[in-house]
């Protein structure tokens, strides 16, 4: 099975290194500031991908958008509207996780009922 997309670790690591240099930090300090192990950072320098939690921590620390480093053969694919809505609801700090799920289910049911079925 062929993958439709992949994460460009080298490009992300290069941008992460630029953020590190701009803050005048060494990699050990980056590890301490992000909670990502120094060995993970070393593996990334060798082209290995971080785990999802490590990627999230590094993106949050650096201000980089991980989506900017996802590559595909067909170019950038736009996410489905319902996927975007789910993301926004689950990241809304004004909603409990249960409330976000309830709203998400309500919106999805209404969307299915009202969408154009060409």
PDB file of N, CA and C in Angstrom:
ATOM      1  N   UNK A   1       0.843  -1.178   0.000  1.00  0.00           N
ATOM      2  CA  UNK A   1       0.000   0.000   0.000  1.00  0.00           C
ATOM      3  C   UNK A   1       0.888   1.242   0.000  1.00  0.00           C
ATOM      4  N   UNK A   2       0.613   2.186  -0.872  1.00  0.00           N
ATOM      5  CA  UNK A   2       1.403   3.407  -0.987  1.00  0.00           C
ATOM      6  C   UNK A   2       0.864   4.476  -0.045  1.00  0.00           C
ATOM      7  N   UNK A   3       1.775   5.147   0.641  1.00  0.00           N
ATOM      8  CA  UNK A   3       1.380   6.239   1.525  1.00  0.00           C
ATOM      9  C   UNK A   3       0.971   7.440   0.686  1.00  0.00           C
ATOM     10  N   UNK A   4      -0.062   8.137   1.125  1.00  0.00           N
ATOM     11  CA  UNK A   4      -0.490   9.325   0.392  1.00  0.00           C
ATOM     12  C   UNK A   4       0.171  10.581   0.932  1.00  0.00           C
ATOM     13  N   UNK A   5       0.813  10.489   2.076  1.00  0.00           N
ATOM     14  CA  UNK A   5       1.478  11.649   2.637  1.00  0.00           C
ATOM     15  C   UNK A   5       2.574  11.233   3.601  1.00  0.00           C
ATOM     16  N   UNK A   6       3.466  12.147   3.896  1.00  0.00           N
ATOM     17  CA  UNK A   6       4.554  11.874   4.818  1.00  0.00           C
ATOM     18  C   UNK A   6       5.005  13.158   5.485  1.00  0.00           C
ATOM     19  N   UNK A   7       5.691  12.998   6.624  1.00  0.00           N
ATOM     20  CA  UNK A   7       6.200  14.125   7.387  1.00  0.00           C
ATOM     21  C   UNK A   7       7.640  14.379   6.985  1.00  0.00           C
ATOM     22  N   UNK A   8       7.949  15.623   6.615  1.00  0.00           N
ATOM     23  CA  UNK A   8       9.291  16.017   6.200  1.00  0.00           C
ATOM     24  C   UNK A   8      10.115  16.356   7.445  1.00  0.00           C
ATOM     25  N   UNK A   9      10.686  15.328   8.041  1.00  0.00           N
ATOM     26  CA  UNK A   9      11.433  15.482   9.287  1.00  0.00           C
ATOM     27  C   UNK A   9      12.627  16.411   9.118  1.00  0.00           C
ATOM     28  N   UNK A  10      13.325  16.297   8.008  1.00  0.00           N
ATOM     29  CA  UNK A  10      14.518  17.121   7.789  1.00  0.00           C
ATOM     30  C   UNK A  10      14.160  18.605   7.751  1.00  0.00           C
ATOM     31  N   UNK A  11      13.088  18.946   7.082  1.00  0.00           N
ATOM     32  CA  UNK A  11      12.676  20.353   7.009  1.00  0.00           C
ATOM     33  C   UNK A  11      12.230  20.860   8.372  1.00  0.00           C
ATOM     34  N   UNK A  12      11.466  20.034   9.104  1.00  0.00           N
ATOM     35  CA  UNK A  12      11.020  20.431  10.442  1.00  0.00           C
ATOM     36  C   UNK A  12      12.224  20.611  11.361  1.00  0.00           C
ATOM     37  N   UNK A  13      13.161  19.678  11.309  1.00  0.00           N
ATOM     38  CA  UNK A  13      14.342  19.766  12.156  1.00  0.00           C
ATOM     39  C   UNK A  13      15.149  21.022  11.816  1.00  0.00           C
ATOM     40  N   UNK A  14      15.272  21.348  10.533  1.00  0.00           N
ATOM     41  CA  UNK A  14      15.987  22.561  10.127  1.00  0.00           C
ATOM     42  C   UNK A  14      15.330  23.814  10.684  1.00  0.00           C
ATOM     43  N   UNK A  15      14.021  23.873  10.638  1.00  0.00           N
ATOM     44  CA  UNK A  15      13.292  25.026  11.184  1.00  0.00           C
ATOM     45  C   UNK A  15      13.405  25.057  12.708  1.00  0.00           C
ATOM     46  N   UNK A  16      13.367  23.889  13.324  1.00  0.00           N
ATOM     47  CA  UNK A  16      13.523  23.793  14.772  1.00  0.00           C
ATOM     48  C   UNK A  16      14.916  24.274  15.182  1.00  0.00           C
ATOM     49  N   UNK A  17      15.916  23.909  14.403  1.00  0.00           N
ATOM     50  CA  UNK A  17      17.277  24.341  14.676  1.00  0.00           C
ATOM     51  C   UNK A  17      17.397  25.861  14.565  1.00  0.00           C
ATOM     52  N   UNK A  18      16.717  26.443  13.594  1.00  0.00           N
ATOM     53  CA  UNK A  18      16.728  27.907  13.457  1.00  0.00           C
ATOM     54  C   UNK A  18      16.082  28.567  14.678  1.00  0.00           C
ATOM     55  N   UNK A  19      14.989  27.985  15.178  1.00  0.00           N
ATOM     56  CA  UNK A  19      14.344  28.518  16.383  1.00  0.00           C
ATOM     57  C   UNK A  19      15.272  28.390  17.584  1.00  0.00           C
ATOM     58  N   UNK A  20      15.981  27.277  17.665  1.00  0.00           N
ATOM     59  CA  UNK A  20      16.939  27.053  18.757  1.00  0.00           C
ATOM     60  C   UNK A  20      18.056  28.093  18.714  1.00  0.00           C
ATOM     61  N   UNK A  21      18.613  28.305  17.534  1.00  0.00           N
ATOM     62  CA  UNK A  21      19.701  29.266  17.376  1.00  0.00           C
ATOM     63  C   UNK A  21      19.240  30.687  17.680  1.00  0.00           C
ATOM     64  N   UNK A  22      18.032  31.036  17.249  1.00  0.00           N
ATOM     65  CA  UNK A  22      17.502  32.377  17.504  1.00  0.00           C
ATOM     66  C   UNK A  22      17.358  32.649  18.998  1.00  0.00           C
ATOM     67  N   UNK A  23      17.143  31.588  19.779  1.00  0.00           N
ATOM     68  CA  UNK A  23      17.004  31.724  21.234  1.00  0.00           C
ATOM     69  C   UNK A  23      18.327  31.491  21.967  1.00  0.00           C
ATOM     70  N   UNK A  24      19.387  31.275  21.182  1.00  0.00           N
ATOM     71  CA  UNK A  24      20.728  31.042  21.727  1.00  0.00           C
ATOM     72  C   UNK A  24      20.743  29.896  22.739  1.00  0.00           C
ATOM     73  N   UNK A  25      20.107  28.784  22.365  1.00  0.00           N
ATOM     74  CA  UNK A  25      20.041  27.609  23.237  1.00  0.00           C
ATOM     75  C   UNK A  25      20.825  26.463  22.616  1.00  0.00           C
ATOM     76  N   UNK A  26      21.263  25.540  23.455  1.00  0.00           N
ATOM     77  CA  UNK A  26      21.819  24.294  22.930  1.00  0.00           C
ATOM     78  C   UNK A  26      20.710  23.243  22.950  1.00  0.00           C
ATOM     79  N   UNK A  27      20.992  22.079  22.363  1.00  0.00           N
ATOM     80  CA  UNK A  27      19.948  21.061  22.257  1.00  0.00           C
ATOM     81  C   UNK A  27      19.544  20.508  23.616  1.00  0.00           C
ATOM     82  N   UNK A  28      20.478  20.465  24.554  1.00  0.00           N
ATOM     83  CA  UNK A  28      20.149  19.994  25.899  1.00  0.00           C
ATOM     84  C   UNK A  28      19.130  20.936  26.543  1.00  0.00           C
ATOM     85  N   UNK A  29      19.271  22.230  26.305  1.00  0.00           N
ATOM     86  CA  UNK A  29      18.306  23.201  26.838  1.00  0.00           C
ATOM     87  C   UNK A  29      16.955  23.058  26.150  1.00  0.00           C
ATOM     88  N   UNK A  30      16.961  22.785  24.853  1.00  0.00           N
ATOM     89  CA  UNK A  30      15.703  22.555  24.130  1.00  0.00           C
ATOM     90  C   UNK A  30      14.991  21.347  24.737  1.00  0.00           C
ATOM     91  N   UNK A  31      15.745  20.287  24.996  1.00  0.00           N
ATOM     92  CA  UNK A  31      15.157  19.088  25.607  1.00  0.00           C
ATOM     93  C   UNK A  31      14.532  19.432  26.957  1.00  0.00           C
ATOM     94  N   UNK A  32      15.247  20.200  27.761  1.00  0.00           N
ATOM     95  CA  UNK A  32      14.723  20.568  29.082  1.00  0.00           C
ATOM     96  C   UNK A  32      13.490  21.454  28.972  1.00  0.00           C
ATOM     97  N   UNK A  33      13.494  22.389  28.032  1.00  0.00           N
ATOM     98  CA  UNK A  33      12.367  23.313  27.867  1.00  0.00           C
ATOM     99  C   UNK A  33      11.122  22.651  27.294  1.00  0.00           C
ATOM    100  N   UNK A  34      11.305  21.611  26.502  1.00  0.00           N
ATOM    101  CA  UNK A  34      10.164  20.988  25.823  1.00  0.00           C
ATOM    102  C   UNK A  34       9.682  19.704  26.476  1.00  0.00           C
ATOM    103  N   UNK A  35      10.542  19.078  27.278  1.00  0.00           N
ATOM    104  CA  UNK A  35      10.197  17.782  27.839  1.00  0.00           C
ATOM    105  C   UNK A  35      10.448  16.636  26.869  1.00  0.00           C
ATOM    106  N   UNK A  36      11.057  16.932  25.735  1.00  0.00           N
ATOM    107  CA  UNK A  36      11.420  15.916  24.743  1.00  0.00           C
ATOM    108  C   UNK A  36      12.843  15.465  25.059  1.00  0.00           C
ATOM    109  N   UNK A  37      13.074  14.181  25.057  1.00  0.00           N
ATOM    110  CA  UNK A  37      14.390  13.680  25.435  1.00  0.00           C
ATOM    111  C   UNK A  37      15.470  14.119  24.442  1.00  0.00           C
ATOM    112  N   UNK A  38      16.674  14.274  24.964  1.00  0.00           N
ATOM    113  CA  UNK A  38      17.815  14.626  24.117  1.00  0.00           C
ATOM    114  C   UNK A  38      18.041  13.546  23.060  1.00  0.00           C
ATOM    115  N   UNK A  39      17.784  12.284  23.421  1.00  0.00           N
ATOM    116  CA  UNK A  39      17.972  11.194  22.446  1.00  0.00           C
ATOM    117  C   UNK A  39      16.976  11.310  21.286  1.00  0.00           C
ATOM    118  N   UNK A  40      15.765  11.792  21.563  1.00  0.00           N
ATOM    119  CA  UNK A  40      14.798  12.013  20.484  1.00  0.00           C
ATOM    120  C   UNK A  40      15.308  13.096  19.537  1.00  0.00           C
ATOM    121  N   UNK A  41      15.858  14.163  20.097  1.00  0.00           N
ATOM    122  CA  UNK A  41      16.407  15.241  19.267  1.00  0.00           C
ATOM    123  C   UNK A  41      17.582  14.747  18.431  1.00  0.00           C
ATOM    124  N   UNK A  42      18.409  13.893  19.019  1.00  0.00           N
ATOM    125  CA  UNK A  42      19.535  13.309  18.278  1.00  0.00           C
ATOM    126  C   UNK A  42      19.028  12.430  17.145  1.00  0.00           C
ATOM    127  N   UNK A  43      18.021  11.622  17.411  1.00  0.00           N
ATOM    128  CA  UNK A  43      17.449  10.770  16.358  1.00  0.00           C
ATOM    129  C   UNK A  43      16.845  11.612  15.248  1.00  0.00           C
ATOM    130  N   UNK A  44      16.210  12.726  15.606  1.00  0.00           N
ATOM    131  CA  UNK A  44      15.658  13.615  14.576  1.00  0.00           C
ATOM    132  C   UNK A  44      16.765  14.180  13.694  1.00  0.00           C
ATOM    133  N   UNK A  45      17.900  14.499  14.287  1.00  0.00           N
ATOM    134  CA  UNK A  45      19.043  15.000  13.508  1.00  0.00           C
ATOM    135  C   UNK A  45      19.523  13.954  12.507  1.00  0.00           C
ATOM    136  N   UNK A  46      19.252  12.684  12.801  1.00  0.00           N
ATOM    137  CA  UNK A  46      19.634  11.581  11.916  1.00  0.00           C
ATOM    138  C   UNK A  46      18.515  11.202  10.949  1.00  0.00           C
ATOM    139  N   UNK A  47      17.435  12.006  10.931  1.00  0.00           N
ATOM    140  CA  UNK A  47      16.344  11.771   9.993  1.00  0.00           C
ATOM    141  C   UNK A  47      15.201  10.936  10.517  1.00  0.00           C
ATOM    142  N   UNK A  48      15.245  10.557  11.780  1.00  0.00           N
ATOM    143  CA  UNK A  48      14.152   9.774  12.370  1.00  0.00           C
ATOM    144  C   UNK A  48      13.024  10.704  12.804  1.00  0.00           C
ATOM    145  N   UNK A  49      11.791  10.206  12.738  1.00  0.00           N
ATOM    146  CA  UNK A  49      10.634  11.004  13.133  1.00  0.00           C
ATOM    147  C   UNK A  49      10.399  10.918  14.634  1.00  0.00           C
ATOM    148  N   UNK A  50       9.976  12.030  15.244  1.00  0.00           N
ATOM    149  CA  UNK A  50       9.619  11.978  16.662  1.00  0.00           C
ATOM    150  C   UNK A  50       8.248  11.334  16.826  1.00  0.00           C
ATOM    151  N   UNK A  51       7.926  10.910  18.046  1.00  0.00           N
ATOM    152  CA  UNK A  51       6.573  10.419  18.283  1.00  0.00           C
ATOM    153  C   UNK A  51       5.624  11.622  18.291  1.00  0.00           C
ATOM    154  N   UNK A  52       4.347  11.358  18.269  1.00  0.00           N
ATOM    155  CA  UNK A  52       3.363  12.434  18.121  1.00  0.00           C
ATOM    156  C   UNK A  52       3.397  13.403  19.301  1.00  0.00           C
ATOM    157  N   UNK A  53       3.613  12.909  20.513  1.00  0.00           N
ATOM    158  CA  UNK A  53       3.680  13.805  21.665  1.00  0.00           C
ATOM    159  C   UNK A  53       4.931  14.678  21.607  1.00  0.00           C
ATOM    160  N   UNK A  54       6.040  14.101  21.173  1.00  0.00           N
ATOM    161  CA  UNK A  54       7.263  14.874  21.014  1.00  0.00           C
ATOM    162  C   UNK A  54       7.112  15.940  19.943  1.00  0.00           C
ATOM    163  N   UNK A  55       6.484  15.567  18.836  1.00  0.00           N
ATOM    164  CA  UNK A  55       6.241  16.532  17.762  1.00  0.00           C
ATOM    165  C   UNK A  55       5.363  17.677  18.259  1.00  0.00           C
ATOM    166  N   UNK A  56       4.324  17.349  19.006  1.00  0.00           N
ATOM    167  CA  UNK A  56       3.434  18.385  19.534  1.00  0.00           C
ATOM    168  C   UNK A  56       4.187  19.319  20.473  1.00  0.00           C
ATOM    169  N   UNK A  57       5.014  18.758  21.342  1.00  0.00           N
ATOM    170  CA  UNK A  57       5.778  19.586  22.289  1.00  0.00           C
ATOM    171  C   UNK A  57       6.753  20.495  21.555  1.00  0.00           C
ATOM    172  N   UNK A  58       7.434  19.970  20.561  1.00  0.00           N
ATOM    173  CA  UNK A  58       8.400  20.779  19.810  1.00  0.00           C
ATOM    174  C   UNK A  58       7.708  21.861  18.985  1.00  0.00           C
ATOM    175  N   UNK A  59       6.567  21.527  18.396  1.00  0.00           N
ATOM    176  CA  UNK A  59       5.818  22.527  17.627  1.00  0.00           C
ATOM    177  C   UNK A  59       5.306  23.628  18.545  1.00  0.00           C
ATOM    178  N   UNK A  60       4.797  23.261  19.712  1.00  0.00           N
ATOM    179  CA  UNK A  60       4.296  24.260  20.663  1.00  0.00           C
ATOM    180  C   UNK A  60       5.427  25.163  21.145  1.00  0.00           C
ATOM    181  N   UNK A  61       6.565  24.587  21.450  1.00  0.00           N
ATOM    182  CA  UNK A  61       7.710  25.363  21.937  1.00  0.00           C
ATOM    183  C   UNK A  61       8.236  26.327  20.879  1.00  0.00           C
ATOM    184  N   UNK A  62       8.325  25.835  19.643  1.00  0.00           N
ATOM    185  CA  UNK A  62       8.944  26.625  18.578  1.00  0.00           C
ATOM    186  C   UNK A  62       7.982  27.568  17.867  1.00  0.00           C
ATOM    187  N   UNK A  63       6.680  27.297  17.985  1.00  0.00           N
ATOM    188  CA  UNK A  63       5.699  28.077  17.233  1.00  0.00           C
ATOM    189  C   UNK A  63       5.551  27.607  15.801  1.00  0.00           C
ATOM    190  N   UNK A  64       6.185  26.483  15.471  1.00  0.00           N
ATOM    191  CA  UNK A  64       6.076  25.926  14.119  1.00  0.00           C
ATOM    192  C   UNK A  64       4.764  25.175  13.979  1.00  0.00           C
ATOM    193  N   UNK A  65       4.205  25.195  12.786  1.00  0.00           N
ATOM    194  CA  UNK A  65       2.976  24.470  12.490  1.00  0.00           C
ATOM    195  C   UNK A  65       3.359  23.151  11.826  1.00  0.00           C
ATOM    196  N   UNK A  66       3.123  22.045  12.512  1.00  0.00           N
ATOM    197  CA  UNK A  66       3.507  20.734  11.990  1.00  0.00           C
ATOM    198  C   UNK A  66       2.873  20.463  10.631  1.00  0.00           C
ATOM    199  N   UNK A  67       1.689  20.996  10.369  1.00  0.00           N
ATOM    200  CA  UNK A  67       1.023  20.790   9.081  1.00  0.00           C
ATOM    201  C   UNK A  67       1.858  21.308   7.914  1.00  0.00           C
ATOM    202  N   UNK A  68       2.692  22.307   8.166  1.00  0.00           N
ATOM    203  CA  UNK A  68       3.528  22.873   7.101  1.00  0.00           C
ATOM    204  C   UNK A  68       4.599  21.894   6.624  1.00  0.00           C
ATOM    205  N   UNK A  69       4.784  20.801   7.351  1.00  0.00           N
ATOM    206  CA  UNK A  69       5.831  19.836   7.020  1.00  0.00           C
ATOM    207  C   UNK A  69       5.266  18.491   6.565  1.00  0.00           C
ATOM    208  N   UNK A  70       3.971  18.456   6.319  1.00  0.00           N
ATOM    209  CA  UNK A  70       3.335  17.261   5.759  1.00  0.00           C
ATOM    210  C   UNK A  70       3.356  17.403   4.238  1.00  0.00           C
ATOM    211  N   UNK A  71       3.913  16.415   3.591  1.00  0.00           N
ATOM    212  CA  UNK A  71       4.059  16.436   2.135  1.00  0.00           C
ATOM    213  C   UNK A  71       3.177  15.353   1.514  1.00  0.00           C
ATOM    214  N   UNK A  72       2.777  15.586   0.263  1.00  0.00           N
ATOM    215  CA  UNK A  72       2.021  14.568  -0.466  1.00  0.00           C
ATOM    216  C   UNK A  72       2.312  14.689  -1.946  1.00  0.00           C
ATOM    217  N   UNK A  73       2.045  13.632  -2.644  1.00  0.00           N
ATOM    218  CA  UNK A  73       2.252  13.610  -4.098  1.00  0.00           C
ATOM    219  C   UNK A  73       1.325  14.594  -4.804  1.00  0.00           C
ATOM    220  N   UNK A  74       0.113  14.759  -4.276  1.00  0.00           N
ATOM    221  CA  UNK A  74      -0.908  15.567  -4.929  1.00  0.00           C
ATOM    222  C   UNK A  74      -0.930  17.010  -4.450  1.00  0.00           C
ATOM    223  N   UNK A  75       0.039  17.436  -3.672  1.00  0.00           N
ATOM    224  CA  UNK A  75      -0.002  18.780  -3.109  1.00  0.00           C
ATOM    225  C   UNK A  75      -0.835  18.779  -1.842  1.00  0.00           C
ATOM    226  N   UNK A  76      -1.105  19.956  -1.348  1.00  0.00           N
ATOM    227  CA  UNK A  76      -1.843  20.065  -0.090  1.00  0.00           C
ATOM    228  C   UNK A  76      -3.326  19.816  -0.317  1.00  0.00           C
ATOM    229  N   UNK A  77      -3.864  18.885   0.418  1.00  0.00           N
ATOM    230  CA  UNK A  77      -5.282  18.550   0.354  1.00  0.00           C
ATOM    231  C   UNK A  77      -5.997  19.317   1.456  1.00  0.00           C
ATOM    232  N   UNK A  78      -7.113  19.920   1.132  1.00  0.00           N
ATOM    233  CA  UNK A  78      -7.894  20.662   2.112  1.00  0.00           C
ATOM    234  C   UNK A  78      -8.692  19.686   2.981  1.00  0.00           C
ATOM    235  N   UNK A  79      -8.675  19.895   4.286  1.00  0.00           N
ATOM    236  CA  UNK A  79      -9.461  19.008   5.154  1.00  0.00           C
ATOM    237  C   UNK A  79     -10.954  19.213   4.949  1.00  0.00           C
ATOM    238  N   UNK A  80     -11.694  18.194   5.256  1.00  0.00           N
ATOM    239  CA  UNK A  80     -13.143  18.262   5.163  1.00  0.00           C
ATOM    240  C   UNK A  80     -13.670  19.259   6.197  1.00  0.00           C
ATOM    241  N   UNK A  81     -14.749  19.983   5.892  1.00  0.00           N
ATOM    242  CA  UNK A  81     -15.297  20.954   6.845  1.00  0.00           C
ATOM    243  C   UNK A  81     -15.618  20.344   8.211  1.00  0.00           C
ATOM    244  N   UNK A  82     -16.171  19.140   8.222  1.00  0.00           N
ATOM    245  CA  UNK A  82     -16.508  18.517   9.512  1.00  0.00           C
ATOM    246  C   UNK A  82     -15.251  18.205  10.327  1.00  0.00           C
ATOM    247  N   UNK A  83     -14.157  17.883   9.666  1.00  0.00           N
ATOM    248  CA  UNK A  83     -12.907  17.628  10.378  1.00  0.00           C
ATOM    249  C   UNK A  83     -12.403  18.910  11.035  1.00  0.00           C
ATOM    250  N   UNK A  84     -12.532  20.025  10.335  1.00  0.00           N
ATOM    251  CA  UNK A  84     -12.116  21.312  10.899  1.00  0.00           C
ATOM    252  C   UNK A  84     -12.992  21.686  12.099  1.00  0.00           C
ATOM    253  N   UNK A  85     -14.295  21.485  11.961  1.00  0.00           N
ATOM    254  CA  UNK A  85     -15.219  21.816  13.046  1.00  0.00           C
ATOM    255  C   UNK A  85     -14.899  20.988  14.289  1.00  0.00           C
ATOM    256  N   UNK A  86     -14.664  19.691  14.095  1.00  0.00           N
ATOM    257  CA  UNK A  86     -14.319  18.820  15.212  1.00  0.00           C
ATOM    258  C   UNK A  86     -13.057  19.313  15.910  1.00  0.00           C
ATOM    259  N   UNK A  87     -12.066  19.697  15.130  1.00  0.00           N
ATOM    260  CA  UNK A  87     -10.810  20.211  15.692  1.00  0.00           C
ATOM    261  C   UNK A  87     -11.051  21.462  16.517  1.00  0.00           C
ATOM    262  N   UNK A  88     -11.819  22.387  15.969  1.00  0.00           N
ATOM    263  CA  UNK A  88     -12.089  23.636  16.688  1.00  0.00           C
ATOM    264  C   UNK A  88     -12.879  23.396  17.974  1.00  0.00           C
ATOM    265  N   UNK A  89     -13.890  22.547  17.903  1.00  0.00           N
ATOM    266  CA  UNK A  89     -14.691  22.277  19.098  1.00  0.00           C
ATOM    267  C   UNK A  89     -13.857  21.636  20.207  1.00  0.00           C
ATOM    268  N   UNK A  90     -13.024  20.672  19.840  1.00  0.00           N
ATOM    269  CA  UNK A  90     -12.247  19.954  20.854  1.00  0.00           C
ATOM    270  C   UNK A  90     -11.096  20.786  21.416  1.00  0.00           C
ATOM    271  N   UNK A  91     -10.752  21.876  20.744  1.00  0.00           N
ATOM    272  CA  UNK A  91      -9.698  22.745  21.279  1.00  0.00           C
ATOM    273  C   UNK A  91     -10.261  23.984  21.974  1.00  0.00           C
ATOM    274  N   UNK A  92     -11.581  24.118  21.996  1.00  0.00           N
ATOM    275  CA  UNK A  92     -12.225  25.276  22.637  1.00  0.00           C
ATOM    276  C   UNK A  92     -12.162  25.123  24.152  1.00  0.00           C
ATOM    277  N   UNK A  93     -11.459  26.019  24.805  1.00  0.00           N
ATOM    278  CA  UNK A  93     -11.290  25.938  26.260  1.00  0.00           C
ATOM    279  C   UNK A  93     -12.560  26.295  27.019  1.00  0.00           C
ATOM    280  N   UNK A  94     -13.544  26.821  26.329  1.00  0.00           N
ATOM    281  CA  UNK A  94     -14.818  27.157  26.961  1.00  0.00           C
ATOM    282  C   UNK A  94     -15.749  25.956  27.053  1.00  0.00           C
ATOM    283  N   UNK A  95     -15.364  24.840  26.417  1.00  0.00           N
ATOM    284  CA  UNK A  95     -16.200  23.645  26.407  1.00  0.00           C
ATOM    285  C   UNK A  95     -15.524  22.511  27.147  1.00  0.00           C
ATOM    286  N   UNK A  96     -16.304  21.780  27.925  1.00  0.00           N
ATOM    287  CA  UNK A  96     -15.772  20.557  28.527  1.00  0.00           C
ATOM    288  C   UNK A  96     -15.621  19.524  27.402  1.00  0.00           C
ATOM    289  N   UNK A  97     -14.825  18.491  27.613  1.00  0.00           N
ATOM    290  CA  UNK A  97     -14.720  17.452  26.576  1.00  0.00           C
ATOM    291  C   UNK A  97     -16.075  16.847  26.221  1.00  0.00           C
ATOM    292  N   UNK A  98     -16.922  16.673  27.226  1.00  0.00           N
ATOM    293  CA  UNK A  98     -18.250  16.101  26.972  1.00  0.00           C
ATOM    294  C   UNK A  98     -19.106  17.041  26.134  1.00  0.00           C
ATOM    295  N   UNK A  99     -19.034  18.353  26.434  1.00  0.00           N
ATOM    296  CA  UNK A  99     -19.807  19.337  25.669  1.00  0.00           C
ATOM    297  C   UNK A  99     -19.320  19.406  24.231  1.00  0.00           C
ATOM    298  N   UNK A 100     -18.009  19.339  24.031  1.00  0.00           N
ATOM    299  CA  UNK A 100     -17.452  19.376  22.674  1.00  0.00           C
ATOM    300  C   UNK A 100     -17.931  18.173  21.867  1.00  0.00           C
ATOM    301  N   UNK A 101     -17.953  17.002  22.496  1.00  0.00           N
ATOM    302  CA  UNK A 101     -18.425  15.790  21.812  1.00  0.00           C
ATOM    303  C   UNK A 101     -19.904  15.912  21.470  1.00  0.00           C
ATOM    304  N   UNK A 102     -20.707  16.419  22.414  1.00  0.00           N
ATOM    305  CA  UNK A 102     -22.147  16.576  22.177  1.00  0.00           C
ATOM    306  C   UNK A 102     -22.404  17.533  21.018  1.00  0.00           C
ATOM    307  N   UNK A 103     -21.721  18.672  21.003  1.00  0.00           N
ATOM    308  CA  UNK A 103     -21.889  19.623  19.899  1.00  0.00           C
ATOM    309  C   UNK A 103     -21.424  19.021  18.577  1.00  0.00           C
ATOM    310  N   UNK A 104     -20.312  18.312  18.623  1.00  0.00           N
ATOM    311  CA  UNK A 104     -19.780  17.679  17.423  1.00  0.00           C
ATOM    312  C   UNK A 104     -20.790  16.700  16.828  1.00  0.00           C
ATOM    313  N   UNK A 105     -21.377  15.875  17.676  1.00  0.00           N
ATOM    314  CA  UNK A 105     -22.366  14.909  17.200  1.00  0.00           C
ATOM    315  C   UNK A 105     -23.603  15.603  16.634  1.00  0.00           C
ATOM    316  N   UNK A 106     -24.031  16.665  17.291  1.00  0.00           N
ATOM    317  CA  UNK A 106     -25.187  17.429  16.821  1.00  0.00           C
ATOM    318  C   UNK A 106     -24.919  18.050  15.450  1.00  0.00           C
ATOM    319  N   UNK A 107     -23.758  18.657  15.308  1.00  0.00           N
ATOM    320  CA  UNK A 107     -23.398  19.300  14.037  1.00  0.00           C
ATOM    321  C   UNK A 107     -23.278  18.264  12.927  1.00  0.00           C
ATOM    322  N   UNK A 108     -22.644  17.135  13.205  1.00  0.00           N
ATOM    323  CA  UNK A 108     -22.485  16.098  12.180  1.00  0.00           C
ATOM    324  C   UNK A 108     -23.834  15.555  11.725  1.00  0.00           C
ATOM    325  N   UNK A 109     -24.747  15.331  12.659  1.00  0.00           N
ATOM    326  CA  UNK A 109     -26.070  14.823  12.294  1.00  0.00           C
ATOM    327  C   UNK A 109     -26.827  15.849  11.450  1.00  0.00           C
ATOM    328  N   UNK A 110     -26.762  17.110  11.852  1.00  0.00           N
ATOM    329  CA  UNK A 110     -27.450  18.162  11.097  1.00  0.00           C
ATOM    330  C   UNK A 110     -26.817  18.330   9.723  1.00  0.00           C
ATOM    331  N   UNK A 111     -25.518  18.294   9.660  1.00  0.00           N
ATOM    332  CA  UNK A 111     -24.803  18.434   8.384  1.00  0.00           C
ATOM    333  C   UNK A 111     -25.224  17.327   7.417  1.00  0.00           C
ATOM    334  N   UNK A 112     -25.245  16.097   7.917  1.00  0.00           N
ATOM    335  CA  UNK A 112     -25.644  14.966   7.049  1.00  0.00           C
ATOM    336  C   UNK A 112     -27.064  15.147   6.527  1.00  0.00           C
ATOM    337  N   UNK A 113     -27.934  15.669   7.347  1.00  0.00           N
ATOM    338  CA  UNK A 113     -29.328  15.852   6.944  1.00  0.00           C
ATOM    339  C   UNK A 113     -29.482  16.966   5.915  1.00  0.00           C
ATOM    340  N   UNK A 114     -28.651  18.027   6.026  1.00  0.00           N
ATOM    341  CA  UNK A 114     -28.818  19.197   5.170  1.00  0.00           C
ATOM    342  C   UNK A 114     -27.875  19.293   3.980  1.00  0.00           C
ATOM    343  N   UNK A 115     -26.852  18.511   3.946  1.00  0.00           N
ATOM    344  CA  UNK A 115     -25.848  18.655   2.858  1.00  0.00           C
ATOM    345  C   UNK A 115     -26.444  18.273   1.510  1.00  0.00           C
ATOM    346  N   UNK A 116     -25.862  18.864   0.482  1.00  0.00           N
ATOM    347  CA  UNK A 116     -26.262  18.527  -0.883  1.00  0.00           C
ATOM    348  C   UNK A 116     -25.780  17.128  -1.199  1.00  0.00           C
ATOM    349  N   UNK A 117     -26.640  16.299  -1.693  1.00  0.00           N
ATOM    350  CA  UNK A 117     -26.282  14.920  -2.013  1.00  0.00           C
ATOM    351  C   UNK A 117     -26.300  14.743  -3.521  1.00  0.00           C
ATOM    352  N   UNK A 118     -25.250  15.281  -4.127  1.00  0.00           N
ATOM    353  CA  UNK A 118     -25.145  15.202  -5.601  1.00  0.00           C
ATOM    354  C   UNK A 118     -24.763  13.852  -6.091  1.00  0.00           C
TER     355      UNK A 118
END
